[in-house]
Structures are given as C-alpha cells and as structure tokens.
C-alpha cells in the first residue's frame, strides 16, 4: 500500500477529505475520524498543520486523503 504524503497549504493549514466509509473499520479508526471533525463522507475540512493532526491522518490513510 502506498502512503500519501502531506502537502502544505499556505498559513500552516492542511486540507483533508474523507473519502471512504468507516463502517467496517475498528473502533479506534472511527474515533480518529470523529476526532478530526468529520461528519459526513466526501467532506473537506481544514486543520492546522501540527504533529498531532499528522499523526491522526497517518493512522487512517485508507480513509482520508490530503487535498492540494
């Protein structure tokens, strides 16, 4: 599986898109999706580019992608 590299957006922000459902995923993955602030599929959110957010995205690269 390939890992997605993060792309920085000006101002220290990162845009994330929820691309795959978390229905058949472990509870930890569901909690990470909820913790990032996603509420519906195909939603694009903007978060600060911090180590904590990057770590959360690294846990679920199969569910989210980084938007340029």
N, C-alpha and C. Protein backbone atom coordinates (compact mmCIF):
# COMPACT_ATOMS: atom_id res chain seq x y z
N UNK A 1 0.84 -1.17 0.00
CA UNK A 1 0.00 0.00 0.00
C UNK A 1 0.89 1.23 0.00
N UNK A 2 0.50 2.21 -0.76
CA UNK A 2 1.27 3.44 -0.79
C UNK A 2 0.77 4.39 0.27
N UNK A 3 1.67 5.16 0.81
CA UNK A 3 1.28 6.16 1.80
C UNK A 3 1.18 7.50 1.11
N UNK A 4 0.25 8.29 1.56
CA UNK A 4 0.05 9.62 0.98
C UNK A 4 0.92 10.62 1.74
N UNK A 5 1.66 11.41 0.99
CA UNK A 5 2.48 12.42 1.63
C UNK A 5 1.65 13.68 1.82
N UNK A 6 1.95 14.40 2.85
CA UNK A 6 1.17 15.61 3.12
C UNK A 6 1.68 16.77 2.28
N UNK A 7 0.74 17.58 1.88
CA UNK A 7 1.06 18.77 1.11
C UNK A 7 0.64 19.98 1.94
N UNK A 8 1.56 20.90 2.10
CA UNK A 8 1.29 22.06 2.94
C UNK A 8 0.49 23.11 2.18
N UNK A 9 -0.43 23.71 2.86
CA UNK A 9 -1.20 24.82 2.33
C UNK A 9 -0.69 26.07 3.03
N UNK A 10 -0.70 27.19 2.34
CA UNK A 10 -0.17 28.42 2.91
C UNK A 10 -0.84 28.74 4.25
N UNK A 11 -0.05 29.20 5.20
CA UNK A 11 -0.58 29.58 6.50
C UNK A 11 -0.54 28.44 7.51
N UNK A 12 0.16 27.36 7.21
CA UNK A 12 0.26 26.27 8.15
C UNK A 12 -1.02 25.48 8.31
N UNK A 13 -1.84 25.42 7.27
CA UNK A 13 -3.09 24.67 7.30
C UNK A 13 -2.98 23.47 6.37
N UNK A 14 -3.75 22.44 6.68
CA UNK A 14 -3.80 21.25 5.85
C UNK A 14 -5.27 20.93 5.58
N UNK A 15 -5.60 20.62 4.32
CA UNK A 15 -6.97 20.29 3.96
C UNK A 15 -7.09 18.78 3.82
N UNK A 16 -8.10 18.22 4.46
CA UNK A 16 -8.32 16.79 4.46
C UNK A 16 -9.69 16.48 3.89
N UNK A 17 -9.79 15.36 3.18
CA UNK A 17 -11.07 14.92 2.63
C UNK A 17 -11.33 13.49 3.07
N UNK A 18 -12.54 13.24 3.58
CA UNK A 18 -12.94 11.90 3.99
C UNK A 18 -13.47 11.20 2.76
N UNK A 19 -12.76 10.14 2.30
CA UNK A 19 -13.09 9.52 1.02
C UNK A 19 -13.66 8.11 1.13
N UNK A 20 -13.53 7.47 2.28
CA UNK A 20 -14.00 6.10 2.41
C UNK A 20 -14.72 5.92 3.74
N UNK A 21 -15.80 5.17 3.70
CA UNK A 21 -16.62 4.97 4.89
C UNK A 21 -15.86 4.23 5.98
N UNK A 22 -16.23 4.52 7.22
CA UNK A 22 -15.60 3.89 8.37
C UNK A 22 -16.48 2.81 8.98
N UNK A 23 -17.43 2.28 8.21
CA UNK A 23 -18.39 1.32 8.74
C UNK A 23 -17.71 0.04 9.23
N UNK A 24 -16.88 -0.57 8.42
CA UNK A 24 -16.25 -1.85 8.79
C UNK A 24 -14.83 -1.67 9.29
N UNK A 25 -14.56 -0.58 9.95
CA UNK A 25 -13.23 -0.34 10.48
C UNK A 25 -13.24 -0.50 12.00
N UNK A 26 -12.08 -0.72 12.60
CA UNK A 26 -12.04 -0.83 14.06
C UNK A 26 -12.51 0.45 14.75
N UNK A 27 -12.94 0.34 15.98
CA UNK A 27 -13.46 1.47 16.73
C UNK A 27 -12.42 2.58 16.86
N UNK A 28 -11.15 2.24 16.97
CA UNK A 28 -10.10 3.26 17.06
C UNK A 28 -10.09 4.14 15.81
N UNK A 29 -10.29 3.55 14.64
CA UNK A 29 -10.30 4.34 13.40
C UNK A 29 -11.51 5.27 13.37
N UNK A 30 -12.64 4.77 13.83
CA UNK A 30 -13.86 5.60 13.87
C UNK A 30 -13.66 6.80 14.80
N UNK A 31 -12.99 6.56 15.91
CA UNK A 31 -12.74 7.65 16.85
C UNK A 31 -11.78 8.69 16.28
N UNK A 32 -10.82 8.26 15.48
CA UNK A 32 -9.89 9.20 14.85
C UNK A 32 -10.63 10.06 13.84
N UNK A 33 -11.51 9.44 13.04
CA UNK A 33 -12.30 10.20 12.06
C UNK A 33 -13.16 11.24 12.78
N UNK A 34 -13.79 10.83 13.86
CA UNK A 34 -14.62 11.75 14.65
C UNK A 34 -13.77 12.85 15.29
N UNK A 35 -12.59 12.47 15.77
CA UNK A 35 -11.69 13.43 16.40
C UNK A 35 -11.16 14.49 15.45
N UNK A 36 -11.02 14.11 14.18
CA UNK A 36 -10.59 15.09 13.18
C UNK A 36 -11.70 16.09 12.87
N UNK A 37 -12.94 15.72 13.16
CA UNK A 37 -14.06 16.65 12.96
C UNK A 37 -14.91 16.35 11.75
N UNK A 38 -14.75 15.17 11.15
CA UNK A 38 -15.58 14.81 10.01
C UNK A 38 -16.97 14.43 10.47
N UNK A 39 -17.99 14.85 9.68
CA UNK A 39 -19.36 14.49 9.99
C UNK A 39 -20.03 13.74 8.85
N UNK A 40 -19.52 13.86 7.63
CA UNK A 40 -20.12 13.15 6.50
C UNK A 40 -19.05 12.83 5.46
N UNK A 41 -19.33 11.84 4.65
CA UNK A 41 -18.42 11.38 3.62
C UNK A 41 -18.22 12.46 2.55
N UNK A 42 -17.04 12.51 1.98
CA UNK A 42 -16.63 13.48 0.96
C UNK A 42 -16.56 14.91 1.48
N UNK A 43 -16.51 15.06 2.77
CA UNK A 43 -16.39 16.38 3.38
C UNK A 43 -14.92 16.80 3.37
N UNK A 44 -14.68 18.07 3.07
CA UNK A 44 -13.33 18.63 3.10
C UNK A 44 -13.25 19.57 4.29
N UNK A 45 -12.24 19.34 5.14
CA UNK A 45 -12.05 20.19 6.31
C UNK A 45 -10.64 20.75 6.29
N UNK A 46 -10.43 21.82 7.00
CA UNK A 46 -9.12 22.45 7.10
C UNK A 46 -8.69 22.44 8.56
N UNK A 47 -7.52 21.91 8.81
CA UNK A 47 -6.98 21.81 10.17
C UNK A 47 -5.58 22.41 10.20
N UNK A 48 -5.12 22.83 11.37
CA UNK A 48 -3.74 23.34 11.47
C UNK A 48 -2.76 22.20 11.21
N UNK A 49 -1.66 22.52 10.59
CA UNK A 49 -0.66 21.52 10.24
C UNK A 49 0.25 21.29 11.43
N UNK A 50 -0.19 20.43 12.35
CA UNK A 50 0.58 20.12 13.55
C UNK A 50 0.93 18.64 13.56
N UNK A 51 1.83 18.28 14.45
CA UNK A 51 2.24 16.88 14.57
C UNK A 51 1.07 16.00 15.01
N UNK A 52 0.18 16.51 15.83
CA UNK A 52 -0.97 15.74 16.30
C UNK A 52 -1.92 15.39 15.15
N UNK A 53 -2.21 16.37 14.33
CA UNK A 53 -3.10 16.15 13.18
C UNK A 53 -2.44 15.20 12.19
N UNK A 54 -1.16 15.39 11.92
CA UNK A 54 -0.45 14.49 11.01
C UNK A 54 -0.45 13.06 11.52
N UNK A 55 -0.31 12.89 12.83
CA UNK A 55 -0.34 11.56 13.42
C UNK A 55 -1.70 10.90 13.27
N UNK A 56 -2.76 11.69 13.42
CA UNK A 56 -4.11 11.15 13.25
C UNK A 56 -4.34 10.72 11.81
N UNK A 57 -3.87 11.53 10.87
CA UNK A 57 -4.02 11.19 9.45
C UNK A 57 -3.20 9.96 9.11
N UNK A 58 -2.06 9.82 9.73
CA UNK A 58 -1.19 8.67 9.46
C UNK A 58 -1.83 7.37 9.94
N UNK A 59 -2.69 7.43 10.94
CA UNK A 59 -3.38 6.24 11.44
C UNK A 59 -4.46 5.75 10.49
N UNK A 60 -5.04 6.65 9.67
CA UNK A 60 -6.14 6.26 8.79
C UNK A 60 -5.92 6.73 7.35
N UNK A 61 -4.77 6.41 6.73
CA UNK A 61 -4.54 6.89 5.36
C UNK A 61 -5.47 6.26 4.34
N UNK A 62 -6.09 5.14 4.67
CA UNK A 62 -7.01 4.48 3.76
C UNK A 62 -8.41 5.10 3.78
N UNK A 63 -8.68 5.98 4.74
CA UNK A 63 -9.99 6.60 4.85
C UNK A 63 -10.00 8.07 4.44
N UNK A 64 -8.88 8.74 4.59
CA UNK A 64 -8.82 10.17 4.27
C UNK A 64 -7.71 10.43 3.25
N UNK A 65 -7.81 11.56 2.59
CA UNK A 65 -6.73 11.97 1.69
C UNK A 65 -6.48 13.45 1.88
N UNK A 66 -5.30 13.87 1.53
CA UNK A 66 -4.92 15.26 1.67
C UNK A 66 -5.19 15.96 0.36
N UNK A 67 -5.95 17.05 0.41
CA UNK A 67 -6.34 17.81 -0.78
C UNK A 67 -5.29 18.88 -1.02
N UNK A 68 -4.96 19.08 -2.26
CA UNK A 68 -3.97 20.12 -2.61
C UNK A 68 -4.59 21.48 -2.64
